[in-house]
Amino acid sequence: MPHPAPSWASLSPSERLADAPVVRRGGHWWLVSSSGAVLASDRAFTRELDCLATDMAAANRAVTDLHNGGDTSVREARR
């Protein structure tokens, strides 16, 4: 018999942190697995998750900018 999809599987990609087993929902970080989720309550750990999420968002914007031709310095350096 197939297992039902876990409740966190329906999260939007913007709530997930890359392929890490963590999501941000309702202003809180959650550690997730196929058997459920646990609220991440360690402040140092959640600050690091916040920093990682901020850095990944900046990297995603930079890649999008490159694809859209927005960063000419990188394109010129490749020549």
N, C-alpha and C. Protein backbone atom coordinates (compact mmCIF):
# COMPACT_ATOMS: atom_id res chain seq x y z
N MET A 1 0.85 -1.16 0.00
CA MET A 1 0.00 0.00 0.00
C MET A 1 0.91 1.24 0.00
N PRO A 2 0.65 2.23 -0.88
CA PRO A 2 1.50 3.43 -0.92
C PRO A 2 1.29 4.29 0.31
N HIS A 3 2.38 4.92 0.73
CA HIS A 3 2.31 5.83 1.88
C HIS A 3 1.79 7.18 1.42
N PRO A 4 0.97 7.84 2.23
CA PRO A 4 0.51 9.18 1.85
C PRO A 4 1.66 10.17 1.91
N ALA A 5 1.58 11.20 1.10
CA ALA A 5 2.62 12.23 1.10
C ALA A 5 2.60 12.94 2.44
N PRO A 6 3.78 13.20 3.01
CA PRO A 6 3.81 13.93 4.28
C PRO A 6 3.24 15.33 4.11
N SER A 7 2.72 15.89 5.19
CA SER A 7 2.06 17.19 5.10
C SER A 7 3.01 18.29 4.63
N TRP A 8 4.30 18.18 4.94
CA TRP A 8 5.24 19.22 4.52
C TRP A 8 5.59 19.12 3.05
N ALA A 9 5.24 18.02 2.39
CA ALA A 9 5.58 17.85 0.99
C ALA A 9 4.85 18.84 0.10
N SER A 10 3.77 19.42 0.60
CA SER A 10 2.99 20.36 -0.20
C SER A 10 3.50 21.79 -0.07
N LEU A 11 4.61 21.99 0.62
CA LEU A 11 5.15 23.33 0.79
C LEU A 11 5.62 23.88 -0.54
N SER A 12 5.51 25.18 -0.68
CA SER A 12 5.99 25.80 -1.91
C SER A 12 7.51 25.82 -1.91
N PRO A 13 8.12 25.85 -3.09
CA PRO A 13 9.58 25.88 -3.16
C PRO A 13 10.18 27.07 -2.41
N SER A 14 9.45 28.17 -2.31
CA SER A 14 9.99 29.33 -1.61
C SER A 14 10.10 29.09 -0.10
N GLU A 15 9.36 28.10 0.41
CA GLU A 15 9.43 27.79 1.84
C GLU A 15 10.56 26.82 2.15
N ARG A 16 11.02 26.08 1.17
CA ARG A 16 12.09 25.11 1.38
C ARG A 16 13.45 25.79 1.26
N LEU A 17 14.42 25.26 1.92
CA LEU A 17 15.79 25.77 1.83
C LEU A 17 16.59 24.77 1.01
N ALA A 18 16.65 25.03 -0.29
CA ALA A 18 17.36 24.15 -1.24
C ALA A 18 16.88 22.72 -1.04
N ASP A 19 17.80 21.78 -0.96
CA ASP A 19 17.43 20.39 -0.73
C ASP A 19 17.60 19.99 0.73
N ALA A 20 17.80 20.97 1.59
CA ALA A 20 17.97 20.70 3.01
C ALA A 20 16.63 20.29 3.64
N PRO A 21 16.69 19.48 4.67
CA PRO A 21 15.44 19.04 5.32
C PRO A 21 14.89 20.08 6.29
N VAL A 22 14.85 21.34 5.83
CA VAL A 22 14.31 22.43 6.65
C VAL A 22 13.40 23.30 5.79
N VAL A 23 12.38 23.85 6.42
CA VAL A 23 11.48 24.78 5.75
C VAL A 23 11.21 25.94 6.70
N ARG A 24 10.87 27.08 6.11
CA ARG A 24 10.48 28.23 6.91
C ARG A 24 9.00 28.46 6.67
N ARG A 25 8.25 28.39 7.73
CA ARG A 25 6.80 28.57 7.63
C ARG A 25 6.33 29.33 8.86
N GLY A 26 5.55 30.38 8.61
CA GLY A 26 5.02 31.16 9.71
C GLY A 26 6.10 31.86 10.52
N GLY A 27 7.22 32.18 9.87
CA GLY A 27 8.31 32.86 10.57
C GLY A 27 9.17 31.95 11.41
N HIS A 28 8.97 30.64 11.32
CA HIS A 28 9.75 29.69 12.11
C HIS A 28 10.38 28.65 11.19
N TRP A 29 11.55 28.17 11.58
CA TRP A 29 12.21 27.09 10.86
C TRP A 29 11.75 25.76 11.43
N TRP A 30 11.51 24.81 10.53
CA TRP A 30 11.09 23.46 10.90
C TRP A 30 12.05 22.46 10.28
N LEU A 31 12.46 21.47 11.06
CA LEU A 31 13.23 20.33 10.55
C LEU A 31 12.20 19.31 10.10
N VAL A 32 12.33 18.83 8.88
CA VAL A 32 11.29 17.95 8.32
C VAL A 32 11.87 16.62 7.87
N SER A 33 11.04 15.61 7.95
CA SER A 33 11.38 14.28 7.44
C SER A 33 10.09 13.63 6.97
N SER A 34 10.20 12.46 6.44
CA SER A 34 9.00 11.79 5.95
C SER A 34 8.06 11.40 7.08
N SER A 35 8.57 11.38 8.31
CA SER A 35 7.71 11.01 9.44
C SER A 35 7.13 12.20 10.19
N GLY A 36 7.51 13.43 9.80
CA GLY A 36 6.93 14.59 10.45
C GLY A 36 7.88 15.77 10.49
N ALA A 37 7.56 16.74 11.33
CA ALA A 37 8.36 17.96 11.43
C ALA A 37 8.54 18.35 12.90
N VAL A 38 9.68 19.00 13.17
CA VAL A 38 10.00 19.46 14.51
C VAL A 38 10.42 20.92 14.41
N LEU A 39 9.88 21.74 15.29
CA LEU A 39 10.25 23.15 15.32
C LEU A 39 11.71 23.29 15.73
N ALA A 40 12.48 24.06 14.95
CA ALA A 40 13.88 24.35 15.29
C ALA A 40 13.87 25.52 16.27
N SER A 41 14.32 25.28 17.48
CA SER A 41 14.22 26.31 18.51
C SER A 41 15.57 26.86 18.96
N ASP A 42 16.67 26.29 18.52
CA ASP A 42 17.99 26.78 18.90
C ASP A 42 18.27 28.07 18.15
N ARG A 43 18.46 29.17 18.87
CA ARG A 43 18.60 30.48 18.24
C ARG A 43 19.84 30.58 17.36
N ALA A 44 20.95 30.01 17.78
CA ALA A 44 22.16 30.06 16.96
C ALA A 44 21.94 29.30 15.65
N PHE A 45 21.29 28.16 15.73
CA PHE A 45 21.02 27.35 14.54
C PHE A 45 20.08 28.08 13.59
N THR A 46 19.00 28.66 14.12
CA THR A 46 18.05 29.34 13.25
C THR A 46 18.65 30.62 12.65
N ARG A 47 19.56 31.28 13.38
CA ARG A 47 20.26 32.45 12.79
C ARG A 47 21.11 32.01 11.61
N GLU A 48 21.77 30.87 11.74
CA GLU A 48 22.57 30.35 10.62
C GLU A 48 21.68 29.99 9.44
N LEU A 49 20.52 29.42 9.71
CA LEU A 49 19.58 29.11 8.63
C LEU A 49 19.12 30.39 7.94
N ASP A 50 18.86 31.44 8.74
CA ASP A 50 18.49 32.74 8.16
C ASP A 50 19.59 33.27 7.25
N CYS A 51 20.84 33.18 7.71
CA CYS A 51 21.98 33.65 6.90
C CYS A 51 22.10 32.84 5.62
N LEU A 52 21.97 31.53 5.74
CA LEU A 52 22.07 30.67 4.55
C LEU A 52 20.96 30.99 3.56
N ALA A 53 19.75 31.19 4.05
CA ALA A 53 18.62 31.51 3.17
C ALA A 53 18.84 32.85 2.48
N THR A 54 19.37 33.83 3.20
CA THR A 54 19.66 35.14 2.62
C THR A 54 20.73 35.02 1.54
N ASP A 55 21.79 34.27 1.83
CA ASP A 55 22.86 34.08 0.85
C ASP A 55 22.38 33.33 -0.39
N MET A 56 21.55 32.32 -0.19
CA MET A 56 21.04 31.56 -1.34
C MET A 56 20.12 32.43 -2.19
N ALA A 57 19.32 33.28 -1.56
CA ALA A 57 18.45 34.18 -2.32
C ALA A 57 19.29 35.15 -3.15
N ALA A 58 20.37 35.66 -2.58
CA ALA A 58 21.26 36.57 -3.30
C ALA A 58 21.92 35.86 -4.47
N ALA A 59 22.33 34.62 -4.25
CA ALA A 59 22.95 33.84 -5.33
C ALA A 59 21.94 33.57 -6.45
N ASN A 60 20.72 33.25 -6.08
CA ASN A 60 19.68 33.01 -7.09
C ASN A 60 19.41 34.28 -7.91
N ARG A 61 19.39 35.43 -7.23
CA ARG A 61 19.20 36.69 -7.95
C ARG A 61 20.36 36.96 -8.90
N ALA A 62 21.59 36.66 -8.46
CA ALA A 62 22.76 36.88 -9.31
C ALA A 62 22.72 35.99 -10.54
N VAL A 63 22.32 34.75 -10.37
CA VAL A 63 22.22 33.83 -11.51
C VAL A 63 21.14 34.30 -12.47
N THR A 64 20.01 34.71 -11.93
CA THR A 64 18.93 35.24 -12.77
C THR A 64 19.40 36.46 -13.54
N ASP A 65 20.14 37.32 -12.85
CA ASP A 65 20.67 38.52 -13.49
C ASP A 65 21.62 38.15 -14.64
N LEU A 66 22.44 37.15 -14.42
CA LEU A 66 23.36 36.69 -15.48
C LEU A 66 22.58 36.17 -16.68
N HIS A 67 21.55 35.38 -16.41
CA HIS A 67 20.74 34.83 -17.51
C HIS A 67 20.00 35.92 -18.27
N ASN A 68 19.66 36.99 -17.60
CA ASN A 68 18.96 38.09 -18.24
C ASN A 68 19.90 39.13 -18.84
N GLY A 69 21.19 38.88 -18.74
CA GLY A 69 22.17 39.79 -19.32
C GLY A 69 22.39 41.04 -18.49
N GLY A 70 22.07 41.01 -17.21
CA GLY A 70 22.18 42.19 -16.38
C GLY A 70 23.57 42.48 -15.85
N ASP A 71 24.45 41.49 -15.79
CA ASP A 71 25.78 41.71 -15.23
C ASP A 71 26.80 41.61 -16.36
N THR A 72 27.13 42.74 -16.94
CA THR A 72 28.05 42.75 -18.08
C THR A 72 29.48 42.46 -17.68
N SER A 73 29.87 42.76 -16.44
CA SER A 73 31.26 42.53 -16.04
C SER A 73 31.61 41.05 -16.09
N VAL A 74 30.69 40.18 -15.71
CA VAL A 74 30.95 38.75 -15.75
C VAL A 74 31.00 38.27 -17.19
N ARG A 75 30.09 38.76 -18.03
CA ARG A 75 30.09 38.34 -19.44
C ARG A 75 31.37 38.81 -20.13
N GLU A 76 31.83 40.02 -19.82
CA GLU A 76 33.05 40.52 -20.44
C GLU A 76 34.27 39.75 -19.96
N ALA A 77 34.27 39.30 -18.72
CA ALA A 77 35.40 38.54 -18.18
C ALA A 77 35.52 37.18 -18.86
N ARG A 78 34.41 36.64 -19.35
CA ARG A 78 34.44 35.34 -20.01
C ARG A 78 35.07 35.43 -21.39
N ARG A 79 35.07 36.59 -22.01
CA ARG A 79 35.57 36.72 -23.38
C ARG A 79 37.03 36.52 -23.49
